[in-house]
Amino acid sequence: ERTEWRKHHIGFLKQNSADNLLPYLTVLENVLVPMRLSGKPDKKKAESLLEAIGMVRFRDRPLAGLSGGEQQRVAIAVALAGEAEILLADEPTGNVDRQTCDDVMRLLTTVCSDKTVLIVTHDTHLSSMVERVIEIRDGRLSGEKHVEREYAVLSPEGLLQISKLLVQAGITSDKITVSVRGREIILTQQE
């Protein structure tokens, strides 16, 4: 039941586009694979996805004739071909240059505007391109940032961890006093 649910609701985009694609198939055939697996092959929908990612002119081309960035675009279309509401992306820009990274992120933002996209990455450049960032260090939540505000993390042990961005914003002392006023926690730098 879980496998069936994942097949219909979750798309996967791996770091290495070769892990998402079948090299002996054409671009269009690759996009049709998840549709066939779910029993709903739809050539028009596949072509529509290729058009959305700017790859429709390459529909009949084998993957070997595509650049790494072009293959990653096809991998995005494959990940979305099964009508997934959730896209899990593992380092989707890890093997491409900065310009292609920006292009892939713009593409994900545009094509996935009605989907939940979870990106796992070490690339801090991506954090400026998304609306929410959750930082994990040593297997634990260490910070959270939304476009309009940044959050600190309070551990069950009472340890407060503020993000590096807040520290870089002007805290120059390692001595901080903490006070509570109503529902506010106030950090004051000591000289």
Protein backbone atom coordinates (compact mmCIF):
# COMPACT_ATOMS: atom_id res chain seq x y z
CA GLU A 1 0.00 0.00 0.00
CA ARG A 2 2.86 2.38 0.82
CA THR A 3 4.56 1.68 -2.49
CA GLU A 4 1.34 2.36 -4.37
CA TRP A 5 0.79 5.59 -2.43
CA ARG A 6 4.36 6.78 -3.11
CA LYS A 7 4.02 5.90 -6.78
CA HIS A 8 1.02 8.21 -7.11
CA HIS A 9 1.91 11.02 -4.69
CA ILE A 10 5.70 11.44 -4.50
CA GLY A 11 8.21 12.31 -7.20
CA PHE A 12 11.93 11.78 -6.68
CA LEU A 13 14.70 13.89 -8.18
CA LYS A 14 18.17 12.56 -7.45
CA GLN A 15 21.46 14.45 -7.62
CA ASN A 16 22.81 12.46 -10.52
CA SER A 17 20.39 12.81 -13.42
CA ALA A 18 21.52 9.39 -14.70
CA ASP A 19 19.84 7.88 -11.61
CA ASN A 20 16.51 9.37 -12.72
CA LEU A 21 16.71 8.47 -16.41
CA LEU A 22 17.05 5.42 -18.64
CA PRO A 23 19.93 6.11 -21.07
CA TYR A 24 18.66 3.87 -23.86
CA LEU A 25 15.35 5.78 -24.13
CA THR A 26 14.64 9.12 -25.77
CA VAL A 27 13.68 12.21 -23.79
CA LEU A 28 9.95 11.65 -24.42
CA GLU A 29 10.15 7.93 -23.65
CA ASN A 30 11.79 8.72 -20.29
CA VAL A 31 8.95 11.07 -19.34
CA LEU A 32 6.41 8.42 -20.32
CA VAL A 33 7.96 5.75 -18.03
CA PRO A 34 6.33 6.89 -14.73
CA MET A 35 3.02 7.35 -16.54
CA ARG A 36 3.18 3.79 -17.85
CA LEU A 37 4.07 2.48 -14.40
CA SER A 38 0.97 4.12 -12.96
CA GLY A 39 -1.14 2.78 -15.85
CA LYS A 40 -1.81 6.23 -17.35
CA PRO A 41 0.49 6.84 -20.34
CA ASP A 42 -0.39 10.25 -21.80
CA LYS A 43 1.81 11.43 -24.68
CA LYS A 44 0.20 14.88 -24.76
CA LYS A 45 0.82 15.39 -21.05
CA ALA A 46 4.42 14.22 -21.45
CA GLU A 47 4.94 16.69 -24.28
CA SER A 48 3.33 19.40 -22.16
CA LEU A 49 5.84 18.70 -19.36
CA LEU A 50 8.68 18.85 -21.88
CA GLU A 51 7.36 22.17 -23.12
CA ALA A 52 7.18 23.50 -19.54
CA ILE A 53 10.86 22.68 -18.99
CA GLY A 54 11.95 23.99 -22.39
CA MET A 55 12.89 20.57 -23.78
CA VAL A 56 10.09 19.75 -26.24
CA ARG A 57 12.42 20.26 -29.24
CA PHE A 58 14.61 17.43 -27.87
CA ARG A 59 11.72 14.99 -27.40
CA ASP A 60 13.08 12.36 -29.82
CA ARG A 61 16.74 12.82 -28.91
CA PRO A 62 18.66 10.16 -26.97
CA LEU A 63 19.99 11.25 -23.57
CA ALA A 64 23.63 10.92 -24.66
CA GLY A 65 23.19 13.99 -26.85
CA LEU A 66 22.15 16.22 -23.93
CA SER A 67 24.22 18.32 -21.54
CA GLY A 68 24.11 17.68 -17.78
CA GLY A 69 21.73 20.62 -17.27
CA GLU A 70 19.43 19.40 -20.04
CA GLN A 71 19.39 15.91 -18.54
CA GLN A 72 18.50 17.40 -15.15
CA ARG A 73 15.58 19.24 -16.79
CA VAL A 74 14.37 15.94 -18.23
CA ALA A 75 14.77 14.36 -14.78
CA ILE A 76 12.47 17.07 -13.36
CA ALA A 77 9.84 16.23 -15.98
CA VAL A 78 10.19 12.52 -15.14
CA ALA A 79 9.78 13.26 -11.41
CA LEU A 80 6.60 15.22 -12.13
CA ALA A 81 5.15 12.87 -14.76
CA GLY A 82 3.33 10.75 -12.20
CA GLU A 83 1.30 13.77 -11.01
CA ALA A 84 3.06 13.79 -7.65
CA GLU A 85 1.95 16.41 -5.14
CA ILE A 86 5.28 16.12 -3.33
CA LEU A 87 8.70 16.33 -4.96
CA LEU A 88 11.71 15.11 -2.98
CA ALA A 89 14.94 16.46 -4.47
CA ASP A 90 18.36 15.27 -3.30
CA GLU A 91 21.02 17.82 -4.31
CA PRO A 92 19.20 18.60 -7.59
CA THR A 93 21.85 21.18 -8.54
CA GLY A 94 24.89 19.36 -7.18
CA ASN A 95 26.32 18.36 -10.57
CA VAL A 96 25.67 21.55 -12.55
CA ASP A 97 27.34 24.96 -12.83
CA ARG A 98 25.96 28.08 -11.07
CA GLN A 99 23.98 29.36 -14.09
CA THR A 100 22.36 25.96 -14.65
CA CYS A 101 21.70 25.77 -10.90
CA ASP A 102 19.80 29.07 -11.08
CA ASP A 103 17.91 27.85 -14.17
CA VAL A 104 16.96 24.55 -12.48
CA MET A 105 15.73 26.38 -9.36
CA ARG A 106 13.66 28.85 -11.42
CA LEU A 107 12.23 25.89 -13.30
CA LEU A 108 11.34 24.05 -10.08
CA THR A 109 9.71 27.21 -8.73
CA THR A 110 7.65 27.68 -11.89
CA VAL A 111 6.70 24.10 -12.74
CA CYS A 112 6.11 23.08 -9.11
CA SER A 113 4.16 26.14 -7.95
CA ASP A 114 1.24 23.93 -6.87
CA LYS A 115 3.41 21.22 -5.27
CA THR A 116 5.37 20.71 -2.08
CA VAL A 117 9.07 20.57 -2.91
CA LEU A 118 11.59 19.37 -0.34
CA ILE A 119 15.21 19.93 -1.35
CA VAL A 120 18.11 18.43 0.56
CA THR A 121 21.34 20.29 -0.19
CA HIS A 122 24.63 21.58 1.15
CA ASP A 123 24.51 24.54 -1.27
CA THR A 124 23.78 27.66 0.79
CA HIS A 125 23.20 29.59 -2.46
CA LEU A 126 19.87 27.79 -2.79
CA SER A 127 18.62 29.21 0.52
CA SER A 128 18.22 32.62 -1.09
CA MET A 129 15.95 31.11 -3.75
CA VAL A 130 13.37 29.37 -1.56
CA GLU A 131 10.77 30.56 0.91
CA ARG A 132 11.72 28.29 3.83
CA VAL A 133 15.00 26.77 4.95
CA ILE A 134 15.38 24.20 7.71
CA GLU A 135 18.94 23.58 8.87
CA ILE A 136 20.01 20.24 10.29
CA ARG A 137 23.31 19.69 12.06
CA ASP A 138 24.43 16.38 13.56
CA GLY A 139 21.01 14.90 12.83
CA ARG A 140 19.10 17.59 14.75
CA LEU A 141 17.12 20.65 13.77
CA SER A 142 19.43 23.63 14.26
CA GLY A 143 17.63 26.53 12.60
CA GLU A 144 14.71 27.59 10.50
CA LYS A 145 14.32 30.58 8.23
CA HIS A 146 11.32 31.87 6.31
CA VAL A 147 11.61 34.58 3.69
CA GLU A 148 10.22 37.19 6.06
CA ARG A 149 11.78 35.98 9.34
CA GLU A 150 14.39 33.73 10.85
CA TYR A 151 13.88 31.30 13.72
CA ALA A 152 16.13 29.99 16.46
CA VAL A 153 15.86 26.48 17.87
CA LEU A 154 15.28 25.66 21.54
CA SER A 155 16.29 22.09 22.37
CA PRO A 156 14.46 19.93 24.93
CA GLU A 157 17.50 20.43 27.18
CA GLY A 158 16.94 24.21 27.10
CA LEU A 159 19.80 25.03 24.75
CA LEU A 160 19.07 27.93 22.42
CA GLN A 161 20.77 27.87 19.04
CA ILE A 162 20.58 30.91 16.82
CA SER A 163 21.51 30.80 13.17
CA LYS A 164 24.84 31.87 11.77
CA LEU A 165 23.10 34.73 9.92
CA LEU A 166 21.88 36.21 13.20
CA VAL A 167 25.36 35.90 14.68
CA GLN A 168 26.88 37.54 11.60
CA ALA A 169 24.36 40.38 11.92
CA GLY A 170 26.33 41.95 14.73
CA ILE A 171 26.91 39.77 17.79
CA THR A 172 30.58 40.26 18.54
CA SER A 173 30.77 39.03 22.14
CA ASP A 174 30.58 35.48 23.41
CA LYS A 175 28.78 36.73 26.53
CA ILE A 176 25.04 37.11 26.11
CA THR A 177 22.43 37.71 28.78
CA VAL A 178 19.00 36.26 28.34
CA SER A 179 15.87 37.81 29.78
CA VAL A 180 12.19 37.08 29.37
CA ARG A 181 9.52 39.75 28.97
CA GLY A 182 6.05 38.26 28.53
CA ARG A 183 6.33 35.97 25.51
CA GLU A 184 9.59 37.55 24.29
CA ILE A 185 13.08 36.22 24.90
CA ILE A 186 15.60 39.05 24.77
CA LEU A 187 19.28 38.42 24.03
CA THR A 188 21.61 41.25 25.06
CA GLN A 189 25.25 41.35 24.05
CA GLN A 190 27.70 41.99 26.92
CA GLU A 191 31.01 43.76 26.36
